[in-house]
Structures are given as C-alpha cells and as structure tokens.
Amino acid sequence: MIGAITVCALDIETPDAAARKRAAASGKKAQAHIVLIDTDEGREPIAVAPRVARALRDEMPALPSSRESVLDAIAAIEARVCFAVAVDALSRRDHAEGELARKLRHAGYRSEAVDAAIARAREMRFVDDVRFASYYIEERKRAGWGRRRIEAELSRRGIDTSGIPGYPEEFFSEDEDVERAYALIARKPVSDIHGREKLIRHLVSKGFSYGVATHAVRRRMEGSPDL
C-alpha cells in the first residue's frame, strides 16, 4: 500500500537556465521537482513551484517518515509560500480572484494551495471582486472604453457582472455613454463620404454599442464643418 511507504530521503531538483528557457518558449513556468526516495530506493517525483523547493531546503522534514507526513509537510510549505506570493502580487496592484488564481497556477502552485491562498486573501479582504470591478469600471470609462469592452474584460478576469450590486444601472447610462463616445470623436476629422462609417467602427471597437456609436456620430456630423 502507498500509505505504508516510508520516505528516507528527499532529492530536490530546481530548474536550471536551460529548463527555464524551454518552459518560457512554450509559455510556461519551469517547475522544480521534489523526489521522495523510499526505503526500497523507489523514487516518486512531485512537481512544485521553485520557491516551494527552495523553502523546503530550509525546512526539511525529519526523516525517515511516512509518505503522508512528508506530503503534508510539503503541502504546508506550499500553502504558506503560495499565499506570500499572492500578497506580493496584490501589493503591486489589485487583482480579481480569477486572474490571481490563474497567475498562481501559472507559477506552478497546485490547485489546493491556490484555492487556500485565495480563500485566505478573500477572508482578509485583500481580494474583493466587487471592489475590483467598481474601480476597474470607472477607470476604463475614464480611458474611453465602452460598456461592452469593459464587460468582456471583466469576464476574462473571471468576474460575473450579475454579481455586482447595482450593475449596470449604477455604472452606465445611455446619455453618459453617448457623451463619452462623442468626446472620443469630437476632434476627429471627417473628410470623405465614408467618414461616418469610420467613426462608428472606431467607437464600436472601443466597446460602445452600435446605437450609442450612431447617436454620437450623428451629433458629430451635425456639427462638422468638414463635409
């Protein structure tokens, strides 16, 4: 039985420069491996993030020990390191839960450690999707994004707008959208017969609805001295 295995040694293998380069070429992060060596000289490799392997070197569990005890020790180190990495990322900028989880998994942390880190960060209010979404929406509105583009980006970050209190009424109105859309094209030249279509396409590419884009462009054309 696997549960009766006794681990007598650990071999820690961290990625070298060549391994990191190969992983980067495929869009991944190179992982380290902790090899459990049992009393029969069997070897069981476990892939972990390099920071976990380095931490294990400083906190080597007492050996020989049961496989379960060694795995528990590794999992405890991984959970602590994963949370520290999450806090470090959040100290640089706010993240949505979904994007933070993807970043941690991409760095090589296993799902159990990631889920625990996210839950702890949520409990401590280090992450808050409603707070993140509220700031993000206002920031992107100031940057000239339309509602559709904002919603698409929130979805990509794992945020369901149906869970945001007061959405969309408290964040968007058609009159405000038209004003923001118009501001983007108020100074754009309109010098040929296809000018109207070009302006509409520009606004739609920014995430404004076709109706909002049409309204804003009509206003621009009515006041245009170019045609």
C-alpha atoms as a PDB file:
ATOM      1  CA  MET A   1       0.000   0.000   0.000  1.00  0.00           C
ATOM      2  CA  ILE A   2       1.142   3.527  -0.788  1.00  0.00           C
ATOM      3  CA  GLY A   3       0.077   4.596   2.682  1.00  0.00           C
ATOM      4  CA  ALA A   4       2.690   2.261   4.258  1.00  0.00           C
ATOM      5  CA  ILE A   5       5.621   3.716   2.327  1.00  0.00           C
ATOM      6  CA  THR A   6       8.411   5.213   4.421  1.00  0.00           C
ATOM      7  CA  VAL A   7      10.383   8.077   2.934  1.00  0.00           C
ATOM      8  CA  CYS A   8      14.036   8.035   3.911  1.00  0.00           C
ATOM      9  CA  ALA A   9      15.393  10.883   1.747  1.00  0.00           C
ATOM     10  CA  LEU A  10      14.346  13.777  -0.456  1.00  0.00           C
ATOM     11  CA  ASP A  11      16.077  14.876  -3.646  1.00  0.00           C
ATOM     12  CA  ILE A  12      15.278  18.486  -4.595  1.00  0.00           C
ATOM     13  CA  GLU A  13      15.723  19.362  -8.250  1.00  0.00           C
ATOM     14  CA  THR A  14      15.361  23.026  -9.251  1.00  0.00           C
ATOM     15  CA  PRO A  15      15.222  24.098 -12.914  1.00  0.00           C
ATOM     16  CA  ASP A  16      18.413  25.374 -14.492  1.00  0.00           C
ATOM     17  CA  ALA A  17      18.660  28.190 -17.047  1.00  0.00           C
ATOM     18  CA  ALA A  18      18.090  25.818 -19.976  1.00  0.00           C
ATOM     19  CA  ALA A  19      14.933  24.396 -18.393  1.00  0.00           C
ATOM     20  CA  ARG A  20      13.600  27.880 -17.675  1.00  0.00           C
ATOM     21  CA  LYS A  21      14.276  28.898 -21.267  1.00  0.00           C
ATOM     22  CA  ARG A  22      12.485  25.836 -22.666  1.00  0.00           C
ATOM     23  CA  ALA A  23       9.484  26.457 -20.440  1.00  0.00           C
ATOM     24  CA  ALA A  24       9.347  30.151 -21.362  1.00  0.00           C
ATOM     25  CA  ALA A  25       9.392  29.244 -25.056  1.00  0.00           C
ATOM     26  CA  SER A  26       6.182  27.263 -24.529  1.00  0.00           C
ATOM     27  CA  GLY A  27       4.571  29.994 -22.434  1.00  0.00           C
ATOM     28  CA  LYS A  28       5.003  28.133 -19.162  1.00  0.00           C
ATOM     29  CA  LYS A  29       6.966  28.454 -15.941  1.00  0.00           C
ATOM     30  CA  ALA A  30       9.675  25.894 -15.245  1.00  0.00           C
ATOM     31  CA  GLN A  31       8.866  23.729 -12.249  1.00  0.00           C
ATOM     32  CA  ALA A  32      11.054  22.198  -9.601  1.00  0.00           C
ATOM     33  CA  HIS A  33      10.731  18.568  -8.505  1.00  0.00           C
ATOM     34  CA  ILE A  34      10.845  17.062  -5.047  1.00  0.00           C
ATOM     35  CA  VAL A  35      11.720  13.389  -5.349  1.00  0.00           C
ATOM     36  CA  LEU A  36      10.571  11.165  -2.493  1.00  0.00           C
ATOM     37  CA  ILE A  37      13.008   8.270  -2.041  1.00  0.00           C
ATOM     38  CA  ASP A  38      11.649   5.361  -0.061  1.00  0.00           C
ATOM     39  CA  THR A  39      13.379   2.577   1.834  1.00  0.00           C
ATOM     40  CA  ASP A  40      13.274   0.339  -1.262  1.00  0.00           C
ATOM     41  CA  GLU A  41      15.001   3.098  -3.260  1.00  0.00           C
ATOM     42  CA  GLY A  42      11.805   3.853  -5.150  1.00  0.00           C
ATOM     43  CA  ARG A  43      11.590   7.436  -6.430  1.00  0.00           C
ATOM     44  CA  GLU A  44       8.376   9.490  -6.575  1.00  0.00           C
ATOM     45  CA  PRO A  45       8.744  12.961  -8.169  1.00  0.00           C
ATOM     46  CA  ILE A  46       6.374  15.764  -7.225  1.00  0.00           C
ATOM     47  CA  ALA A  47       6.272  18.922  -9.340  1.00  0.00           C
ATOM     48  CA  VAL A  48       6.190  22.172  -7.358  1.00  0.00           C
ATOM     49  CA  ALA A  49       6.928  25.854  -7.863  1.00  0.00           C
ATOM     50  CA  PRO A  50      10.669  26.612  -7.496  1.00  0.00           C
ATOM     51  CA  ARG A  51      10.052  28.814  -4.448  1.00  0.00           C
ATOM     52  CA  VAL A  52       8.469  25.849  -2.675  1.00  0.00           C
ATOM     53  CA  ALA A  53      11.516  23.688  -3.394  1.00  0.00           C
ATOM     54  CA  ARG A  54      13.852  26.394  -2.091  1.00  0.00           C
ATOM     55  CA  ALA A  55      11.767  26.797   1.075  1.00  0.00           C
ATOM     56  CA  LEU A  56      11.814  23.038   1.629  1.00  0.00           C
ATOM     57  CA  ARG A  57      15.606  23.084   1.680  1.00  0.00           C
ATOM     58  CA  ASP A  58      15.414  25.320   4.749  1.00  0.00           C
ATOM     59  CA  GLU A  59      12.588  23.372   6.381  1.00  0.00           C
ATOM     60  CA  MET A  60      13.437  19.767   5.636  1.00  0.00           C
ATOM     61  CA  PRO A  61      11.054  17.411   7.480  1.00  0.00           C
ATOM     62  CA  ALA A  62      12.508  14.845   9.840  1.00  0.00           C
ATOM     63  CA  LEU A  63      13.319  11.631   8.021  1.00  0.00           C
ATOM     64  CA  PRO A  64      12.639   8.759   7.832  1.00  0.00           C
ATOM     65  CA  SER A  65       8.921   9.456   7.942  1.00  0.00           C
ATOM     66  CA  SER A  66       5.711   8.201   6.410  1.00  0.00           C
ATOM     67  CA  ARG A  67       4.832   9.318   2.921  1.00  0.00           C
ATOM     68  CA  GLU A  68       1.693  11.033   4.250  1.00  0.00           C
ATOM     69  CA  SER A  69       3.670  13.057   6.781  1.00  0.00           C
ATOM     70  CA  VAL A  70       6.172  14.178   4.146  1.00  0.00           C
ATOM     71  CA  LEU A  71       3.408  15.146   1.723  1.00  0.00           C
ATOM     72  CA  ASP A  72       1.641  17.075   4.491  1.00  0.00           C
ATOM     73  CA  ALA A  73       4.857  18.965   5.259  1.00  0.00           C
ATOM     74  CA  ILE A  74       5.348  19.844   1.589  1.00  0.00           C
ATOM     75  CA  ALA A  75       1.710  20.938   1.277  1.00  0.00           C
ATOM     76  CA  ALA A  76       2.012  23.189   4.346  1.00  0.00           C
ATOM     77  CA  ILE A  77       5.106  24.890   2.919  1.00  0.00           C
ATOM     78  CA  GLU A  78       3.442  25.286  -0.469  1.00  0.00           C
ATOM     79  CA  ALA A  79       0.332  26.829   1.076  1.00  0.00           C
ATOM     80  CA  ARG A  80       2.385  29.368   3.007  1.00  0.00           C
ATOM     81  CA  VAL A  81       4.614  30.277   0.056  1.00  0.00           C
ATOM     82  CA  CYS A  82       1.644  30.499  -2.317  1.00  0.00           C
ATOM     83  CA  PHE A  83      -0.136  32.924  -0.008  1.00  0.00           C
ATOM     84  CA  ALA A  84       3.014  35.043   0.296  1.00  0.00           C
ATOM     85  CA  VAL A  85       3.263  35.214  -3.489  1.00  0.00           C
ATOM     86  CA  ALA A  86      -0.409  36.200  -3.705  1.00  0.00           C
ATOM     87  CA  VAL A  87       0.066  39.004  -1.164  1.00  0.00           C
ATOM     88  CA  ASP A  88       3.149  40.216  -3.034  1.00  0.00           C
ATOM     89  CA  ALA A  89       1.171  40.375  -6.296  1.00  0.00           C
ATOM     90  CA  LEU A  90      -1.666  42.240  -4.580  1.00  0.00           C
ATOM     91  CA  SER A  91       0.769  44.737  -3.062  1.00  0.00           C
ATOM     92  CA  ARG A  92       1.716  45.836  -6.580  1.00  0.00           C
ATOM     93  CA  ARG A  93      -1.830  46.151  -7.919  1.00  0.00           C
ATOM     94  CA  ASP A  94      -5.336  44.953  -7.207  1.00  0.00           C
ATOM     95  CA  HIS A  95      -6.426  41.694  -8.820  1.00  0.00           C
ATOM     96  CA  ALA A  96      -9.691  39.920  -9.400  1.00  0.00           C
ATOM     97  CA  GLU A  97      -9.845  36.495  -7.771  1.00  0.00           C
ATOM     98  CA  GLY A  98      -9.895  34.673 -11.091  1.00  0.00           C
ATOM     99  CA  GLU A  99      -6.852  36.391 -12.556  1.00  0.00           C
ATOM    100  CA  LEU A 100      -4.888  35.988  -9.315  1.00  0.00           C
ATOM    101  CA  ALA A 101      -5.692  32.281  -9.260  1.00  0.00           C
ATOM    102  CA  ARG A 102      -4.552  31.907 -12.888  1.00  0.00           C
ATOM    103  CA  LYS A 103      -1.318  33.742 -12.111  1.00  0.00           C
ATOM    104  CA  LEU A 104      -0.588  31.448  -9.168  1.00  0.00           C
ATOM    105  CA  ARG A 105      -1.342  28.294 -11.149  1.00  0.00           C
ATOM    106  CA  HIS A 106       0.816  29.532 -14.000  1.00  0.00           C
ATOM    107  CA  ALA A 107       3.652  29.975 -11.499  1.00  0.00           C
ATOM    108  CA  GLY A 108       3.385  26.265 -10.653  1.00  0.00           C
ATOM    109  CA  TYR A 109       1.314  26.218  -7.462  1.00  0.00           C
ATOM    110  CA  ARG A 110      -1.096  23.339  -7.175  1.00  0.00           C
ATOM    111  CA  SER A 111      -4.849  23.845  -7.021  1.00  0.00           C
ATOM    112  CA  GLU A 112      -5.200  23.089  -3.299  1.00  0.00           C
ATOM    113  CA  ALA A 113      -2.607  25.732  -2.388  1.00  0.00           C
ATOM    114  CA  VAL A 114      -4.110  28.254  -4.791  1.00  0.00           C
ATOM    115  CA  ASP A 115      -7.647  27.742  -3.506  1.00  0.00           C
ATOM    116  CA  ALA A 116      -6.463  28.095   0.095  1.00  0.00           C
ATOM    117  CA  ALA A 117      -4.480  31.265  -0.713  1.00  0.00           C
ATOM    118  CA  ILE A 118      -7.452  32.857  -2.484  1.00  0.00           C
ATOM    119  CA  ALA A 119      -9.827  31.941   0.345  1.00  0.00           C
ATOM    120  CA  ARG A 120      -7.466  33.411   2.940  1.00  0.00           C
ATOM    121  CA  ALA A 121      -6.925  36.571   0.892  1.00  0.00           C
ATOM    122  CA  ARG A 122     -10.690  36.947   0.485  1.00  0.00           C
ATOM    123  CA  GLU A 123     -11.254  36.484   4.223  1.00  0.00           C
ATOM    124  CA  MET A 124      -8.692  39.214   4.930  1.00  0.00           C
ATOM    125  CA  ARG A 125     -10.260  41.466   2.276  1.00  0.00           C
ATOM    126  CA  PHE A 126      -7.032  41.511   0.286  1.00  0.00           C
ATOM    127  CA  VAL A 127      -9.133  40.493  -2.726  1.00  0.00           C
ATOM    128  CA  ASP A 128     -12.686  41.633  -3.332  1.00  0.00           C
ATOM    129  CA  ASP A 129     -14.200  41.186  -6.787  1.00  0.00           C
ATOM    130  CA  VAL A 130     -16.925  43.779  -6.221  1.00  0.00           C
ATOM    131  CA  ARG A 131     -14.374  46.366  -5.122  1.00  0.00           C
ATOM    132  CA  PHE A 132     -12.081  45.472  -8.002  1.00  0.00           C
ATOM    133  CA  ALA A 133     -14.890  45.644 -10.562  1.00  0.00           C
ATOM    134  CA  SER A 134     -16.139  49.017  -9.297  1.00  0.00           C
ATOM    135  CA  TYR A 135     -12.706  50.617  -9.569  1.00  0.00           C
ATOM    136  CA  TYR A 136     -11.981  48.901 -12.861  1.00  0.00           C
ATOM    137  CA  ILE A 137     -15.203  50.080 -14.497  1.00  0.00           C
ATOM    138  CA  GLU A 138     -14.659  53.708 -13.519  1.00  0.00           C
ATOM    139  CA  GLU A 139     -11.020  53.607 -14.583  1.00  0.00           C
ATOM    140  CA  ARG A 140     -11.826  52.145 -18.000  1.00  0.00           C
ATOM    141  CA  LYS A 141     -14.676  54.586 -18.518  1.00  0.00           C
ATOM    142  CA  ARG A 142     -12.219  57.429 -17.985  1.00  0.00           C
ATOM    143  CA  ALA A 143      -9.917  55.745 -20.516  1.00  0.00           C
ATOM    144  CA  GLY A 144     -12.685  55.881 -23.142  1.00  0.00           C
ATOM    145  CA  TRP A 145     -13.851  52.260 -23.090  1.00  0.00           C
ATOM    146  CA  GLY A 146     -17.439  51.360 -23.845  1.00  0.00           C
ATOM    147  CA  ARG A 147     -19.611  49.085 -21.744  1.00  0.00           C
ATOM    148  CA  ARG A 148     -19.222  46.018 -23.990  1.00  0.00           C
ATOM    149  CA  ARG A 149     -15.446  46.124 -23.913  1.00  0.00           C
ATOM    150  CA  ILE A 150     -15.425  46.618 -20.149  1.00  0.00           C
ATOM    151  CA  GLU A 151     -17.773  43.674 -19.637  1.00  0.00           C
ATOM    152  CA  ALA A 152     -15.668  41.464 -21.905  1.00  0.00           C
ATOM    153  CA  GLU A 153     -12.517  42.303 -19.959  1.00  0.00           C
ATOM    154  CA  LEU A 154     -14.204  41.714 -16.597  1.00  0.00           C
ATOM    155  CA  SER A 155     -15.398  38.343 -17.863  1.00  0.00           C
ATOM    156  CA  ARG A 156     -11.858  37.476 -18.971  1.00  0.00           C
ATOM    157  CA  ARG A 157     -10.717  38.228 -15.435  1.00  0.00           C
ATOM    158  CA  GLY A 158     -13.361  35.878 -14.042  1.00  0.00           C
ATOM    159  CA  ILE A 159     -15.883  38.453 -12.851  1.00  0.00           C
ATOM    160  CA  ASP A 160     -19.593  37.923 -13.499  1.00  0.00           C
ATOM    161  CA  THR A 161     -21.212  41.356 -13.665  1.00  0.00           C
ATOM    162  CA  SER A 162     -24.503  39.911 -12.412  1.00  0.00           C
ATOM    163  CA  GLY A 163     -22.825  39.646  -9.004  1.00  0.00           C
ATOM    164  CA  ILE A 164     -22.014  43.368  -8.841  1.00  0.00           C
ATOM    165  CA  PRO A 165     -24.624  45.252  -6.759  1.00  0.00           C
ATOM    166  CA  GLY A 166     -26.449  47.869  -8.810  1.00  0.00           C
ATOM    167  CA  TYR A 167     -24.995  46.741 -12.133  1.00  0.00           C
ATOM    168  CA  PRO A 168     -25.445  48.103 -14.767  1.00  0.00           C
ATOM    169  CA  GLU A 169     -27.790  50.943 -13.771  1.00  0.00           C
ATOM    170  CA  GLU A 170     -25.411  52.484 -11.220  1.00  0.00           C
ATOM    171  CA  PHE A 171     -22.448  52.360 -13.595  1.00  0.00           C
ATOM    172  CA  PHE A 172     -23.796  53.147 -17.053  1.00  0.00           C
ATOM    173  CA  SER A 173     -26.496  55.270 -18.661  1.00  0.00           C
ATOM    174  CA  GLU A 174     -27.106  55.769 -22.355  1.00  0.00           C
ATOM    175  CA  ASP A 175     -26.790  59.548 -22.107  1.00  0.00           C
ATOM    176  CA  GLU A 176     -23.438  59.265 -20.348  1.00  0.00           C
ATOM    177  CA  ASP A 177     -22.254  56.651 -22.858  1.00  0.00           C
ATOM    178  CA  VAL A 178     -23.139  58.951 -25.744  1.00  0.00           C
ATOM    179  CA  GLU A 179     -21.250  61.816 -24.083  1.00  0.00           C
ATOM    180  CA  ARG A 180     -18.166  59.651 -23.593  1.00  0.00           C
ATOM    181  CA  ALA A 181     -18.368  58.312 -27.136  1.00  0.00           C
ATOM    182  CA  TYR A 182     -18.769  61.800 -28.559  1.00  0.00           C
ATOM    183  CA  ALA A 183     -15.746  63.019 -26.604  1.00  0.00           C
ATOM    184  CA  LEU A 184     -13.621  60.396 -28.373  1.00  0.00           C
ATOM    185  CA  ILE A 185     -14.540  61.628 -31.850  1.00  0.00           C
ATOM    186  CA  ALA A 186     -15.260  65.333 -31.279  1.00  0.00           C
ATOM    187  CA  ARG A 187     -11.898  66.362 -32.721  1.00  0.00           C
ATOM    188  CA  LYS A 188     -11.502  63.644 -35.320  1.00  0.00           C
ATOM    189  CA  PRO A 189     -11.508  64.904 -38.930  1.00  0.00           C
ATOM    190  CA  VAL A 190     -14.321  63.781 -41.201  1.00  0.00           C
ATOM    191  CA  SER A 191     -13.089  64.388 -44.705  1.00  0.00           C
ATOM    192  CA  ASP A 192     -14.704  61.843 -47.032  1.00  0.00           C
ATOM    193  CA  ILE A 193     -18.027  60.197 -47.733  1.00  0.00           C
ATOM    194  CA  HIS A 194     -17.087  57.182 -45.629  1.00  0.00           C
ATOM    195  CA  GLY A 195     -16.291  59.315 -42.587  1.00  0.00           C
ATOM    196  CA  ARG A 196     -19.492  58.396 -40.767  1.00  0.00           C
ATOM    197  CA  GLU A 197     -18.892  54.637 -41.095  1.00  0.00           C
ATOM    198  CA  LYS A 198     -15.277  55.002 -39.983  1.00  0.00           C
ATOM    199  CA  LEU A 199     -16.283  56.868 -36.843  1.00  0.00           C
ATOM    200  CA  ILE A 200     -18.945  54.300 -35.993  1.00  0.00           C
ATOM    201  CA  ARG A 201     -16.468  51.451 -36.451  1.00  0.00           C
ATOM    202  CA  HIS A 202     -13.976  53.265 -34.240  1.00  0.00           C
ATOM    203  CA  LEU A 203     -16.483  53.632 -31.427  1.00  0.00           C
ATOM    204  CA  VAL A 204     -17.727  50.059 -31.723  1.00  0.00           C
ATOM    205  CA  SER A 205     -14.093  48.876 -31.496  1.00  0.00           C
ATOM    206  CA  LYS A 206     -13.864  50.770 -28.203  1.00  0.00           C
ATOM    207  CA  GLY A 207     -16.779  48.769 -26.839  1.00  0.00           C
ATOM    208  CA  PHE A 208     -19.697  51.119 -27.397  1.00  0.00           C
ATOM    209  CA  SER A 209     -22.941  49.681 -28.699  1.00  0.00           C
ATOM    210  CA  TYR A 210     -23.909  50.388 -32.297  1.00  0.00           C
ATOM    211  CA  GLY A 211     -26.809  52.526 -31.090  1.00  0.00           C
ATOM    212  CA  VAL A 212     -24.594  54.671 -28.861  1.00  0.00           C
ATOM    213  CA  ALA A 213     -21.968  54.950 -31.608  1.00  0.00           C
ATOM    214  CA  THR A 214     -24.571  56.008 -34.177  1.00  0.00           C
ATOM    215  CA  HIS A 215     -26.006  58.643 -31.848  1.00  0.00           C
ATOM    216  CA  ALA A 216     -22.579  60.091 -31.054  1.00  0.00           C
ATOM    217  CA  VAL A 217     -21.536  60.125 -34.706  1.00  0.00           C
ATOM    218  CA  ARG A 218     -24.781  61.790 -35.774  1.00  0.00           C
ATOM    219  CA  ARG A 219     -24.083  64.544 -33.271  1.00  0.00           C
ATOM    220  CA  ARG A 220     -20.511  64.842 -34.569  1.00  0.00           C
ATOM    221  CA  MET A 221     -21.627  65.020 -38.184  1.00  0.00           C
ATOM    222  CA  GLU A 222     -24.267  67.646 -37.473  1.00  0.00           C
ATOM    223  CA  GLY A 223     -21.626  69.913 -36.030  1.00  0.00           C
ATOM    224  CA  SER A 224     -18.877  69.030 -38.511  1.00  0.00           C
ATOM    225  CA  PRO A 225     -17.518  71.757 -40.791  1.00  0.00           C
ATOM    226  CA  ASP A 226     -15.589  69.157 -42.775  1.00  0.00           C
ATOM    227  CA  LEU A 227     -18.376  67.928 -45.033  1.00  0.00           C
END
